[in-house]
Amino acid sequence: MSRVGEIPEPPKESPEKIAGPPEPPVSPESDDRSPSEEETQGNLANRIASMSGLEKREVIRRAQRKRGALGPVSLEVAMLLLAREQNLEMEKLVEMS
């Protein structure tokens, strides 16, 4: 028997979780990355910035916000999602990463 017509009730969250202060963004210093990963992310941020017309700081800020919203994704993935939202050519960016 199919239940396609039934919509489940959303989970009830406690008011403390909804009204709590936002979590601070994850700083790059707290990540366990090798210098080559940081260099790759810096190059990716530079490439996205030049292709989109945004400043590098803005690219990183937006990627960190996206990372906070999505949960456990790398900064590199968040930057690639940002690039996709900016309608940039993904093939050029994926080659770098």
Protein backbone atom coordinates (compact mmCIF):
# COMPACT_ATOMS: atom_id res chain seq x y z
CA MET A 1 0.00 0.00 0.00
CA SER A 2 1.42 3.40 -0.97
CA ARG A 3 1.68 6.34 1.44
CA VAL A 4 2.49 8.95 -1.18
CA GLY A 5 -0.42 11.14 -0.09
CA GLU A 6 0.71 11.28 3.54
CA ILE A 7 3.00 14.07 4.68
CA PRO A 8 5.01 13.31 7.84
CA GLU A 9 5.01 15.76 10.71
CA PRO A 10 8.27 17.77 10.96
CA PRO A 11 10.40 17.02 14.01
CA LYS A 12 9.69 19.33 16.90
CA GLU A 13 12.76 21.27 17.92
CA SER A 14 13.28 22.68 21.35
CA PRO A 15 12.98 26.50 21.64
CA GLU A 16 16.52 26.69 23.01
CA LYS A 17 17.93 25.34 19.76
CA ILE A 18 15.94 27.76 17.62
CA ALA A 19 16.57 30.83 19.78
CA GLY A 20 20.22 30.06 20.56
CA PRO A 21 23.06 32.27 19.34
CA PRO A 22 24.54 31.40 15.96
CA GLU A 23 27.68 29.34 15.97
CA PRO A 24 30.83 31.28 15.08
CA PRO A 25 32.36 30.52 11.68
CA VAL A 26 35.10 27.94 11.59
CA SER A 27 38.44 29.67 11.37
CA PRO A 28 40.97 28.35 8.88
CA GLU A 29 43.54 28.01 11.66
CA SER A 30 41.46 25.38 13.45
CA ASP A 31 41.34 23.03 10.46
CA ASP A 32 43.94 20.28 10.19
CA ARG A 33 45.18 20.95 6.68
CA SER A 34 48.51 20.67 5.02
CA PRO A 35 50.02 23.81 3.46
CA SER A 36 49.28 22.43 -0.01
CA GLU A 37 45.53 22.23 0.80
CA GLU A 38 45.57 25.85 2.01
CA GLU A 39 47.42 26.87 -1.13
CA THR A 40 44.88 25.05 -3.33
CA GLN A 41 41.99 26.73 -1.51
CA GLY A 42 43.67 30.11 -1.84
CA ASN A 43 44.17 29.55 -5.56
CA LEU A 44 40.56 28.42 -5.92
CA ALA A 45 39.33 31.50 -4.05
CA ASN A 46 41.50 33.72 -6.28
CA ARG A 47 40.18 32.03 -9.43
CA ILE A 48 36.53 32.35 -8.32
CA ALA A 49 37.11 35.98 -7.35
CA SER A 50 38.60 36.87 -10.72
CA MET A 51 35.92 35.00 -12.69
CA SER A 52 32.99 36.38 -10.69
CA GLY A 53 34.19 39.93 -10.04
CA LEU A 54 33.93 39.44 -6.27
CA GLU A 55 36.80 40.15 -3.90
CA LYS A 56 38.69 37.15 -2.54
CA ARG A 57 37.58 38.06 1.00
CA GLU A 58 33.95 38.05 -0.13
CA VAL A 59 34.34 34.65 -1.81
CA ILE A 60 35.77 33.17 1.40
CA ARG A 61 33.13 34.86 3.57
CA ARG A 62 30.28 33.55 1.45
CA ALA A 63 31.82 30.07 1.33
CA GLN A 64 32.16 30.03 5.12
CA ARG A 65 28.50 31.04 5.50
CA LYS A 66 27.48 28.28 3.10
CA ARG A 67 29.65 25.84 5.00
CA GLY A 68 27.95 26.79 8.25
CA ALA A 69 24.53 26.33 6.69
CA LEU A 70 25.32 22.96 5.11
CA GLY A 71 27.20 21.38 7.97
CA PRO A 72 30.20 19.13 7.49
CA VAL A 73 31.46 20.13 4.06
CA SER A 74 34.92 21.35 3.22
CA LEU A 75 35.60 24.98 2.43
CA GLU A 76 36.65 23.89 -1.06
CA VAL A 77 33.23 22.29 -1.72
CA ALA A 78 31.49 25.38 -0.35
CA MET A 79 33.55 27.58 -2.71
CA LEU A 80 32.63 25.35 -5.66
CA LEU A 81 28.95 25.61 -4.74
CA LEU A 82 29.33 29.38 -4.58
CA ALA A 83 30.96 29.36 -8.01
CA ARG A 84 28.05 27.33 -9.38
CA GLU A 85 25.60 29.87 -7.94
CA GLN A 86 27.56 32.60 -9.73
CA ASN A 87 27.12 30.67 -13.02
CA LEU A 88 30.85 30.24 -13.49
CA GLU A 89 32.32 27.61 -15.78
CA MET A 90 32.86 24.68 -13.45
CA GLU A 91 35.27 22.69 -15.62
CA LYS A 92 38.00 25.32 -15.17
CA LEU A 93 37.53 25.31 -11.41
CA VAL A 94 37.30 21.56 -10.88
CA GLU A 95 40.59 21.06 -12.75
CA MET A 96 42.32 23.16 -10.08
CA SER A 97 40.98 21.32 -7.06
